[in-house]
Amino acid sequence: MKEGLSKQVLINSLWSLFGRFGYLSISLISNIILVRLLSPKEFGQLGIVMFFIIVGSVLTEAGLSGALIRKEHVTDNDYSTIFIFNLIVSFIMMLVLMLSAGFISNFYNDNDLKNILIISSLVILINAFRIVQDTKLIREMRFQSKVTYEFFSIFLSSGIAIFCAFKGAGIWALVLLQILTPLFLAIIMWYFVGTLKTYKFSTSSFKSFFKFGINTTLTSLLNVIFNNIYYLVLSRYFSIIQTGYFYQAQKLQDIPNSVSQGVILNVMYSALSKLKGNIKEFIEFYQTSFKLFAVMGAFVCMVIFNYAEIIIKVLYGEKWLSSAIYLKVLIFISFFYLLEILSRNIFKVFDRTEKILQLEILKKTLQMGTIIYGVLTASIVNLLYGFAYVYVFSFLINYFFVRKILNIPDINDLIVIFKISLICIFVILFLNNVIIAYGYLQEGSAISFLIIIFLYAILLKVFKIIDLRNFLNIKKFLI
């Protein structure tokens, strides 16, 4: 890799990591405060509403920002075309959701949902006003600016939402948070990134992005529908309170998940796009990145999986302990999904987005089967375990097809990393059931946590996955 690009990738990876960490830290703190002020039912209502908002947002973006990022030379007409398309579709989607609010409310026998959905649908239209500016920042790899804008938007909106919750606003404090965050971000981006130089719709420009956009949009649509469909299933066939537990578990999962995905989807995709002309350097960079994310992801997921109850109890309180089972399954899933989206960058870079769509359809067909099984057996456990099995299979099938595009080795290193994680899990269980049970250590103590860190690092060294000295030197992984 060229030295200039290497340095740029390193700097932007760090900015993306720290920026997302800062953003999610504010989000987590505000969420902890709101959780203690509000009830699981109110978060369950929010989960239902956000399903429709997220689906609408994916349809309006249409995957065209990704097409802009990978294009070598982008014109003002390109930006203008994407903006106008997003604006029109966003307005239509907002109206559809407003008109459907009554039906959705009746379906869940919750009269409050109607007004919540109508007001929350504004988020779809607001998002259309920041997509172009966000794309410009990613294309130009200005991640320092991007994360700064995102940080201030969540900081301001969280403060207002918490104030309203203290004043007894209830669910409307959560709705306000969802609306103000993108609104503040759009205003900040229009001021600092700038407005468009022209407002014209180019048919030829739109057609050039359509093939790429339609495949990634349908893929993203399937993904968000099935990732969030559990809000609808839990609310309809179990209880809206269970939806609240699931929602909070997913909020905690989002912390490590969003940080890593922010790097993969933005920095890594941008860097890989620049390297596609040199296949040897491309493969080296991809393999190194894959191993790095696998090692870091496995450790984070392992720790959260084993300390889920303690995390829930400390952050949310005893009344939210039912969220722990959801958190354990979701964090297991996030490890394989992390590696899956890293692999999918290959399909996007080499313009094989139809493969992403095909594999996603297969994945969602299997997932629908597990959802039906969970509902028919009236078992939340079956529902969640089926969710996990599908994501393991999905990663394996995606990696199989990536190997057909690139001449890369099989997943032996990943299998070893998984075995190392299992060893560490058994050690944690031993600490919990023997040493801690007899009073030698307290549950969740810093000493037991340090033991796991040390053991994990030693096993990585013993099995020759990553040398600890190189692991600490992030630059060697990125260059």
Protein backbone atom coordinates (compact mmCIF):
# COMPACT_ATOMS: atom_id res chain seq x y z
CA MET A 1 0.00 0.00 0.00
CA LYS A 2 1.26 3.47 -0.76
CA GLU A 3 2.62 5.27 2.29
CA GLY A 4 0.25 8.24 1.92
CA LEU A 5 -2.84 6.05 1.79
CA SER A 6 -1.55 3.90 4.67
CA LYS A 7 -1.17 6.93 6.89
CA GLN A 8 -4.56 8.23 5.80
CA VAL A 9 -6.25 4.91 6.57
CA LEU A 10 -4.59 4.72 9.99
CA ILE A 11 -5.58 8.27 10.97
CA ASN A 12 -9.14 7.92 9.73
CA SER A 13 -9.57 4.48 11.32
CA LEU A 14 -8.56 5.95 14.68
CA TRP A 15 -10.82 8.96 14.20
CA SER A 16 -13.70 6.71 13.22
CA LEU A 17 -13.10 4.47 16.24
CA PHE A 18 -12.75 7.30 18.77
CA GLY A 19 -15.53 9.29 17.18
CA ARG A 20 -18.00 6.43 17.25
CA PHE A 21 -16.91 5.61 20.79
CA GLY A 22 -17.61 9.21 21.85
CA TYR A 23 -20.96 9.25 20.05
CA LEU A 24 -22.02 5.95 21.58
CA SER A 25 -20.78 6.96 25.01
CA ILE A 26 -23.12 9.94 25.01
CA SER A 27 -25.89 7.74 23.63
CA LEU A 28 -25.27 5.12 26.32
CA ILE A 29 -25.21 7.64 29.18
CA SER A 30 -28.43 9.28 28.01
CA ASN A 31 -30.02 5.87 27.50
CA ILE A 32 -29.09 4.76 31.05
CA ILE A 33 -30.74 7.89 32.45
CA LEU A 34 -33.83 7.42 30.28
CA VAL A 35 -34.07 3.71 31.18
CA ARG A 36 -34.25 4.60 34.87
CA LEU A 37 -36.94 7.22 34.20
CA LEU A 38 -39.10 5.22 31.80
CA SER A 39 -40.58 1.71 31.62
CA PRO A 40 -39.91 -1.35 29.40
CA LYS A 41 -43.30 -0.82 27.75
CA GLU A 42 -42.33 2.65 26.51
CA PHE A 43 -39.11 1.31 25.02
CA GLY A 44 -41.13 -1.51 23.48
CA GLN A 45 -43.34 1.08 21.78
CA LEU A 46 -40.24 2.84 20.52
CA GLY A 47 -38.91 -0.44 19.14
CA ILE A 48 -42.05 -0.93 17.05
CA VAL A 49 -41.90 2.64 15.74
CA MET A 50 -38.19 2.46 14.88
CA PHE A 51 -38.76 -0.65 12.77
CA PHE A 52 -40.83 1.38 10.32
CA ILE A 53 -38.53 4.41 10.49
CA ILE A 54 -35.44 2.34 9.71
CA VAL A 55 -37.12 0.52 6.82
CA GLY A 56 -38.30 3.83 5.37
CA SER A 57 -34.82 5.36 5.70
CA VAL A 58 -33.21 2.47 3.81
CA LEU A 59 -35.69 2.82 0.95
CA THR A 60 -35.10 6.55 0.64
CA GLU A 61 -31.30 6.28 0.61
CA ALA A 62 -31.55 3.54 -2.07
CA GLY A 63 -27.87 2.61 -1.78
CA LEU A 64 -26.90 5.52 -4.00
CA SER A 65 -24.49 7.07 -1.51
CA GLY A 66 -22.38 3.90 -1.73
CA ALA A 67 -22.31 4.28 -5.50
CA LEU A 68 -21.10 7.87 -5.09
CA ILE A 69 -18.31 6.79 -2.75
CA ARG A 70 -16.88 4.22 -5.16
CA LYS A 71 -17.10 6.46 -8.25
CA GLU A 72 -13.71 7.93 -9.19
CA HIS A 73 -14.95 11.31 -10.45
CA VAL A 74 -18.14 12.79 -9.02
CA THR A 75 -19.79 15.88 -10.50
CA ASP A 76 -22.16 18.45 -8.99
CA ASN A 77 -24.94 16.93 -11.07
CA ASP A 78 -24.30 13.57 -9.40
CA TYR A 79 -24.72 15.05 -5.93
CA SER A 80 -27.78 17.02 -6.99
CA THR A 81 -29.43 13.98 -8.56
CA ILE A 82 -28.99 11.88 -5.45
CA PHE A 83 -30.31 14.68 -3.23
CA ILE A 84 -33.46 15.26 -5.30
CA PHE A 85 -34.19 11.53 -5.54
CA ASN A 86 -33.77 11.07 -1.78
CA LEU A 87 -35.94 14.08 -1.01
CA ILE A 88 -38.84 12.95 -3.20
CA VAL A 89 -38.79 9.33 -2.00
CA SER A 90 -38.43 10.45 1.64
CA PHE A 91 -41.53 12.63 1.36
CA ILE A 92 -43.51 9.75 -0.16
CA MET A 93 -42.34 7.30 2.52
CA MET A 94 -43.24 9.77 5.27
CA LEU A 95 -46.79 10.12 3.90
CA VAL A 96 -47.18 6.34 3.58
CA LEU A 97 -46.17 5.85 7.20
CA MET A 98 -48.49 8.61 8.40
CA LEU A 99 -51.44 7.08 6.54
CA SER A 100 -50.59 3.59 7.86
CA ALA A 101 -50.25 4.70 11.49
CA GLY A 102 -53.87 3.92 12.37
CA PHE A 103 -53.72 0.39 10.96
CA ILE A 104 -50.43 -0.37 12.75
CA SER A 105 -51.84 0.97 16.03
CA ASN A 106 -54.92 -1.26 15.74
CA PHE A 107 -52.80 -4.30 14.86
CA TYR A 108 -50.94 -4.00 18.17
CA ASN A 109 -54.01 -2.88 20.15
CA ASP A 110 -52.13 0.20 21.30
CA ASN A 111 -53.87 3.50 20.59
CA ASP A 112 -50.79 5.52 21.58
CA LEU A 113 -48.82 4.12 18.66
CA LYS A 114 -50.77 6.12 16.06
CA ASN A 115 -49.61 9.58 17.12
CA ILE A 116 -46.13 8.29 17.96
CA LEU A 117 -45.75 6.92 14.42
CA ILE A 118 -47.11 10.07 12.76
CA ILE A 119 -44.67 12.38 14.57
CA SER A 120 -41.72 9.98 14.30
CA SER A 121 -42.14 9.69 10.51
CA LEU A 122 -40.55 13.17 10.24
CA VAL A 123 -37.20 11.44 10.82
CA ILE A 124 -37.37 9.93 7.31
CA LEU A 125 -37.69 13.34 5.65
CA ILE A 126 -35.03 14.93 7.87
CA ASN A 127 -32.49 12.23 6.95
CA ALA A 128 -32.79 13.15 3.28
CA PHE A 129 -31.23 16.54 4.00
CA ARG A 130 -27.90 15.15 5.19
CA ILE A 131 -27.14 12.16 2.95
CA VAL A 132 -25.18 14.11 0.33
CA GLN A 133 -23.06 15.97 2.89
CA ASP A 134 -22.39 12.74 4.75
CA THR A 135 -21.30 11.08 1.50
CA LYS A 136 -18.92 13.95 0.72
CA LEU A 137 -17.21 13.55 4.07
CA ILE A 138 -16.73 9.81 3.53
CA ARG A 139 -15.47 10.24 -0.04
CA GLU A 140 -12.92 12.80 1.08
CA MET A 141 -12.08 10.68 4.16
CA ARG A 142 -12.81 13.64 6.46
CA PHE A 143 -13.77 11.42 9.35
CA GLN A 144 -12.53 13.85 11.97
CA SER A 145 -15.17 16.34 10.87
CA LYS A 146 -17.82 13.66 10.46
CA VAL A 147 -17.50 12.27 13.98
CA THR A 148 -17.34 15.77 15.47
CA TYR A 149 -20.65 16.73 13.87
CA GLU A 150 -22.27 13.47 14.97
CA PHE A 151 -21.01 13.91 18.53
CA PHE A 152 -22.50 17.38 18.93
CA SER A 153 -25.83 16.33 17.41
CA ILE A 154 -26.33 13.43 19.85
CA PHE A 155 -25.06 15.54 22.76
CA LEU A 156 -27.60 18.32 22.17
CA SER A 157 -30.55 16.04 21.44
CA SER A 158 -29.80 13.77 24.42
CA GLY A 159 -29.75 16.73 26.81
CA ILE A 160 -33.14 17.92 25.60
CA ALA A 161 -34.64 14.40 25.73
CA ILE A 162 -33.43 13.81 29.30
CA PHE A 163 -34.84 17.17 30.42
CA CYS A 164 -38.22 16.28 28.90
CA ALA A 165 -38.17 12.83 30.55
CA PHE A 166 -37.54 14.45 33.95
CA LYS A 167 -40.56 16.66 33.29
CA GLY A 168 -42.73 13.60 32.72
CA ALA A 169 -42.87 13.52 28.91
CA GLY A 170 -42.71 9.70 28.89
CA ILE A 171 -42.50 8.11 25.44
CA TRP A 172 -42.39 11.56 23.83
CA ALA A 173 -38.94 12.15 25.30
CA LEU A 174 -37.75 9.15 23.27
CA VAL A 175 -39.54 10.37 20.14
CA LEU A 176 -37.94 13.79 20.54
CA LEU A 177 -34.50 12.17 20.78
CA GLN A 178 -35.04 10.30 17.50
CA ILE A 179 -36.15 13.48 15.70
CA LEU A 180 -33.66 16.01 17.08
CA THR A 181 -30.52 13.91 16.53
CA PRO A 182 -30.77 13.83 12.68
CA LEU A 183 -32.20 17.37 12.64
CA PHE A 184 -29.20 18.87 14.48
CA LEU A 185 -26.84 16.79 12.34
CA ALA A 186 -28.44 18.00 9.10
CA ILE A 187 -28.23 21.65 10.20
CA ILE A 188 -24.58 21.31 11.25
CA MET A 189 -23.61 19.55 8.02
CA TRP A 190 -25.34 22.09 5.79
CA TYR A 191 -23.50 24.87 7.62
CA PHE A 192 -20.00 23.35 7.69
CA VAL A 193 -19.94 20.99 4.67
CA GLY A 194 -21.95 23.34 2.50
CA THR A 195 -25.00 23.36 0.30
CA LEU A 196 -25.28 21.96 -3.21
CA LYS A 197 -23.95 24.01 -6.13
CA THR A 198 -26.83 23.01 -8.36
CA TYR A 199 -30.29 21.50 -7.99
CA LYS A 200 -30.83 19.53 -11.20
CA PHE A 201 -31.89 15.93 -11.74
CA SER A 202 -29.76 14.09 -14.30
CA THR A 203 -31.34 10.96 -15.75
CA SER A 204 -28.01 9.68 -17.09
CA SER A 205 -26.36 10.20 -13.71
CA PHE A 206 -29.16 8.36 -11.93
CA LYS A 207 -28.97 5.41 -14.33
CA SER A 208 -25.23 5.07 -13.74
CA PHE A 209 -25.86 4.58 -10.02
CA PHE A 210 -29.05 2.54 -10.29
CA LYS A 211 -27.56 -0.95 -10.80
CA PHE A 212 -25.26 -0.58 -7.81
CA GLY A 213 -27.92 1.11 -5.72
CA ILE A 214 -30.80 -1.29 -6.37
CA ASN A 215 -28.82 -4.35 -5.29
CA THR A 216 -27.41 -2.79 -2.14
CA THR A 217 -30.79 -1.25 -1.28
CA LEU A 218 -32.68 -4.51 -1.52
CA THR A 219 -29.92 -6.17 0.50
CA SER A 220 -30.02 -3.48 3.19
CA LEU A 221 -33.81 -3.59 3.20
CA LEU A 222 -33.86 -7.32 3.81
CA ASN A 223 -31.20 -6.91 6.46
CA VAL A 224 -32.92 -4.17 8.48
CA ILE A 225 -36.34 -5.80 8.18
CA PHE A 226 -35.16 -9.12 9.55
CA ASN A 227 -32.81 -7.61 12.13
CA ASN A 228 -35.64 -5.50 13.51
CA ILE A 229 -38.59 -7.80 12.83
CA TYR A 230 -38.12 -9.25 16.30
CA TYR A 231 -39.63 -6.03 17.69
CA LEU A 232 -42.81 -6.79 15.78
CA VAL A 233 -42.82 -10.53 16.53
CA LEU A 234 -42.16 -10.10 20.26
CA SER A 235 -44.81 -7.38 20.56
CA ARG A 236 -47.45 -9.33 18.66
CA TYR A 237 -46.91 -12.92 19.86
CA PHE A 238 -45.29 -12.44 23.28
CA SER A 239 -45.53 -9.02 24.95
CA ILE A 240 -44.55 -5.42 24.31
CA ILE A 241 -42.49 -5.54 27.52
CA GLN A 242 -40.31 -8.28 25.99
CA THR A 243 -39.80 -5.91 23.06
CA GLY A 244 -38.52 -3.34 25.54
CA TYR A 245 -36.02 -5.83 26.96
CA PHE A 246 -34.87 -6.73 23.44
CA TYR A 247 -34.56 -3.06 22.51
CA GLN A 248 -32.28 -2.30 25.46
CA ALA A 249 -30.12 -5.36 24.79
CA GLN A 250 -29.71 -4.18 21.21
CA LYS A 251 -28.73 -0.70 22.43
CA LEU A 252 -25.87 -2.24 24.41
CA GLN A 253 -24.89 -4.47 21.50
CA ASP A 254 -24.76 -1.39 19.30
CA ILE A 255 -21.83 0.05 21.24
CA PRO A 256 -19.11 -2.37 20.04
CA ASN A 257 -21.09 -3.16 16.91
CA SER A 258 -21.42 0.41 15.67
CA VAL A 259 -17.82 1.32 16.39
CA SER A 260 -16.48 -1.60 14.36
CA GLN A 261 -19.09 -1.24 11.61
CA GLY A 262 -18.30 2.46 11.29
CA VAL A 263 -14.70 1.60 10.48
CA ILE A 264 -15.59 -1.30 8.16
CA LEU A 265 -18.35 0.43 6.21
CA ASN A 266 -16.63 3.79 5.88
CA VAL A 267 -12.86 3.69 6.32
CA MET A 268 -12.25 0.12 5.16
CA TYR A 269 -14.57 0.38 2.17
CA SER A 270 -13.01 3.65 1.08
CA ALA A 271 -9.48 2.26 1.48
CA LEU A 272 -10.24 -1.00 -0.32
CA SER A 273 -11.82 0.94 -3.19
CA LYS A 274 -8.56 2.84 -3.64
CA LEU A 275 -6.50 -0.39 -3.64
CA LYS A 276 -8.55 -2.43 -6.11
CA GLY A 277 -6.07 -1.66 -8.90
CA ASN A 278 -3.28 -3.55 -7.11
CA ILE A 279 -4.63 -7.00 -6.27
CA LYS A 280 -1.58 -8.14 -4.29
CA GLU A 281 -1.68 -5.19 -1.90
CA PHE A 282 -5.47 -5.44 -1.80
CA ILE A 283 -5.35 -9.08 -0.59
CA GLU A 284 -2.64 -8.35 1.98
CA PHE A 285 -4.59 -5.43 3.41
CA TYR A 286 -7.84 -7.39 3.48
CA GLN A 287 -6.31 -10.44 5.20
CA THR A 288 -4.58 -8.33 7.83
CA SER A 289 -7.77 -6.37 8.49
CA PHE A 290 -9.84 -9.55 8.70
CA LYS A 291 -7.56 -11.08 11.33
CA LEU A 292 -7.41 -7.86 13.34
CA PHE A 293 -11.19 -7.46 13.45
CA ALA A 294 -11.63 -11.16 14.29
CA VAL A 295 -9.24 -10.95 17.25
CA MET A 296 -10.66 -7.72 18.63
CA GLY A 297 -14.27 -8.69 17.93
CA ALA A 298 -13.92 -12.09 19.58
CA PHE A 299 -12.50 -10.58 22.75
CA VAL A 300 -15.16 -7.88 23.09
CA CYS A 301 -17.99 -10.32 22.39
CA MET A 302 -16.56 -12.91 24.79
CA VAL A 303 -16.36 -10.41 27.65
CA ILE A 304 -19.87 -9.01 27.10
CA PHE A 305 -21.32 -12.52 26.74
CA ASN A 306 -19.91 -13.64 30.08
CA TYR A 307 -20.64 -10.47 32.04
CA ALA A 308 -24.07 -9.74 30.50
CA GLU A 309 -26.00 -9.97 33.79
CA ILE A 310 -23.53 -7.74 35.61
CA ILE A 311 -23.59 -5.18 32.79
CA ILE A 312 -27.39 -5.04 32.77
CA LYS A 313 -27.62 -4.86 36.55
CA VAL A 314 -25.05 -2.06 36.90
CA LEU A 315 -26.28 0.05 33.98
CA TYR A 316 -30.05 -0.46 34.03
CA GLY A 317 -30.93 -1.94 37.41
CA GLU A 318 -32.55 -5.17 38.59
CA LYS A 319 -35.84 -4.64 36.71
CA TRP A 320 -34.03 -4.96 33.38
CA LEU A 321 -32.23 -8.30 34.08
CA SER A 322 -34.45 -10.07 31.55
CA SER A 323 -32.49 -8.19 28.86
CA ALA A 324 -29.38 -10.32 29.62
CA ILE A 325 -30.46 -13.35 27.54
CA TYR A 326 -31.11 -11.06 24.57
CA LEU A 327 -27.73 -9.37 25.01
CA LYS A 328 -25.88 -12.70 25.04
CA VAL A 329 -27.46 -13.87 21.79
CA LEU A 330 -27.10 -10.50 20.07
CA ILE A 331 -23.42 -10.11 20.96
CA PHE A 332 -22.70 -13.62 19.64
CA ILE A 333 -24.45 -12.68 16.41
CA SER A 334 -22.55 -9.40 16.12
CA PHE A 335 -19.19 -11.19 15.94
CA PHE A 336 -20.16 -13.12 12.82
CA TYR A 337 -22.01 -10.17 11.32
CA LEU A 338 -18.91 -8.00 11.78
CA LEU A 339 -16.83 -10.40 9.69
CA GLU A 340 -19.66 -10.82 7.20
CA ILE A 341 -19.89 -7.12 6.36
CA LEU A 342 -16.10 -6.97 6.08
CA SER A 343 -16.31 -9.76 3.50
CA ARG A 344 -19.16 -8.02 1.70
CA ASN A 345 -16.92 -5.05 1.01
CA ILE A 346 -15.24 -7.28 -1.58
CA PHE A 347 -18.49 -7.68 -3.51
CA LYS A 348 -19.08 -3.91 -3.42
CA VAL A 349 -15.56 -2.95 -4.46
CA PHE A 350 -15.57 -5.32 -7.44
CA ASP A 351 -19.14 -4.37 -8.42
CA ARG A 352 -20.61 -7.77 -7.60
CA THR A 353 -23.47 -6.38 -5.56
CA GLU A 354 -25.90 -8.88 -7.10
CA LYS A 355 -24.07 -11.54 -5.09
CA ILE A 356 -24.80 -9.62 -1.88
CA LEU A 357 -28.49 -9.59 -2.74
CA GLN A 358 -28.57 -13.29 -3.64
CA LEU A 359 -26.87 -14.32 -0.43
CA GLU A 360 -29.09 -12.03 1.63
CA ILE A 361 -32.23 -13.58 0.14
CA LEU A 362 -30.93 -17.05 1.08
CA LYS A 363 -30.09 -15.83 4.57
CA LYS A 364 -33.48 -14.24 5.15
CA THR A 365 -35.33 -17.30 3.84
CA LEU A 366 -33.61 -19.37 6.51
CA GLN A 367 -34.23 -16.70 9.13
CA MET A 368 -37.93 -16.59 8.33
CA GLY A 369 -38.04 -20.33 8.95
CA THR A 370 -36.50 -19.88 12.41
CA ILE A 371 -38.94 -17.06 13.23
CA ILE A 372 -41.94 -19.19 12.27
CA TYR A 373 -40.54 -22.05 14.36
CA GLY A 374 -40.09 -19.75 17.37
CA VAL A 375 -43.66 -18.44 17.05
CA LEU A 376 -45.23 -21.89 16.57
CA THR A 377 -43.40 -23.28 19.59
CA ALA A 378 -44.18 -20.09 21.57
CA SER A 379 -40.54 -20.08 22.67
CA ILE A 380 -38.40 -16.96 22.88
CA VAL A 381 -35.34 -19.20 23.32
CA ASN A 382 -36.02 -21.01 20.02
CA LEU A 383 -36.58 -17.64 18.36
CA LEU A 384 -33.23 -16.27 19.53
CA TYR A 385 -31.15 -19.40 18.93
CA GLY A 386 -32.51 -19.61 15.40
CA PHE A 387 -31.42 -15.98 14.94
CA ALA A 388 -27.87 -16.93 15.99
CA TYR A 389 -27.60 -20.05 13.82
CA VAL A 390 -28.60 -18.12 10.71
CA TYR A 391 -25.82 -15.54 11.17
CA VAL A 392 -23.12 -18.18 11.60
CA PHE A 393 -24.24 -19.85 8.39
CA SER A 394 -24.49 -16.51 6.59
CA PHE A 395 -20.91 -15.57 7.40
CA LEU A 396 -19.61 -18.95 6.20
CA ILE A 397 -21.45 -18.78 2.88
CA ASN A 398 -20.33 -15.16 2.29
CA TYR A 399 -16.71 -16.03 2.97
CA PHE A 400 -16.96 -19.01 0.60
CA PHE A 401 -17.92 -16.74 -2.30
CA VAL A 402 -15.31 -14.12 -1.37
CA ARG A 403 -12.68 -16.81 -1.81
CA LYS A 404 -13.96 -17.30 -5.35
CA ILE A 405 -13.16 -13.65 -6.11
CA LEU A 406 -9.87 -13.41 -4.20
CA ASN A 407 -7.22 -16.08 -3.80
CA ILE A 408 -7.23 -16.09 0.00
CA PRO A 409 -6.79 -18.93 2.53
CA ASP A 410 -9.60 -20.69 4.36
CA ILE A 411 -10.77 -19.75 7.85
CA ASN A 412 -8.32 -21.84 9.90
CA ASP A 413 -7.16 -18.77 11.85
CA LEU A 414 -10.75 -17.86 12.64
CA ILE A 415 -11.42 -21.39 13.92
CA VAL A 416 -8.37 -21.11 16.20
CA ILE A 417 -9.55 -17.69 17.47
CA PHE A 418 -12.95 -19.22 18.20
CA LYS A 419 -11.32 -22.08 20.14
CA ILE A 420 -9.24 -19.61 22.14
CA SER A 421 -12.42 -17.71 23.01
CA LEU A 422 -14.08 -20.93 24.20
CA ILE A 423 -11.10 -21.70 26.44
CA CYS A 424 -11.40 -18.23 27.96
CA ILE A 425 -15.14 -18.72 28.46
CA PHE A 426 -14.53 -21.97 30.36
CA VAL A 427 -11.96 -20.20 32.51
CA ILE A 428 -14.51 -17.47 33.30
CA LEU A 429 -17.06 -20.14 34.23
CA PHE A 430 -14.47 -21.76 36.50
CA LEU A 431 -13.77 -18.42 38.17
CA ASN A 432 -17.48 -17.82 38.66
CA ASN A 433 -18.40 -21.30 39.91
CA VAL A 434 -15.36 -22.16 42.01
CA ILE A 435 -13.11 -19.30 42.99
CA ILE A 436 -15.83 -16.63 43.21
CA ALA A 437 -18.36 -19.04 44.76
CA TYR A 438 -15.98 -19.76 47.64
CA GLY A 439 -15.40 -16.07 48.27
CA TYR A 440 -11.85 -15.76 46.95
CA LEU A 441 -12.95 -13.24 44.33
CA GLN A 442 -16.02 -11.11 43.84
CA GLU A 443 -18.22 -11.61 40.79
CA GLY A 444 -17.09 -9.28 38.02
CA SER A 445 -13.95 -8.25 39.91
CA ALA A 446 -11.11 -6.47 38.13
CA ILE A 447 -8.75 -9.36 38.97
CA SER A 448 -10.87 -11.95 37.12
CA PHE A 449 -11.17 -9.59 34.15
CA LEU A 450 -7.39 -9.06 34.03
CA ILE A 451 -6.88 -12.83 34.16
CA ILE A 452 -8.99 -13.21 31.01
CA ILE A 453 -7.12 -10.42 29.19
CA PHE A 454 -3.77 -12.00 30.04
CA LEU A 455 -4.94 -15.51 29.10
CA TYR A 456 -6.38 -14.34 25.78
CA ALA A 457 -3.15 -12.54 24.82
CA ILE A 458 -1.01 -15.54 25.80
CA LEU A 459 -3.16 -17.98 23.81
CA LEU A 460 -2.98 -15.74 20.74
CA LYS A 461 0.79 -15.89 21.06
CA VAL A 462 0.91 -19.66 21.70
CA PHE A 463 -1.30 -20.48 18.73
CA LYS A 464 0.64 -18.00 16.57
CA ILE A 465 -2.39 -15.94 15.63
CA ILE A 466 -0.98 -12.55 16.57
CA ASP A 467 2.17 -11.56 18.39
CA LEU A 468 1.26 -9.41 21.38
CA ARG A 469 3.84 -6.78 20.43
CA ASN A 470 2.36 -6.50 16.94
CA PHE A 471 -1.16 -6.54 18.35
CA LEU A 472 -0.41 -3.45 20.38
CA ASN A 473 1.15 -1.74 17.38
CA ILE A 474 -1.98 -0.95 15.39
CA LYS A 475 0.02 0.70 12.63
CA LYS A 476 1.57 -2.63 11.62
CA PHE A 477 -1.87 -4.02 11.03
CA LEU A 478 -3.05 -1.14 8.91
CA ILE A 479 0.15 -0.72 6.86
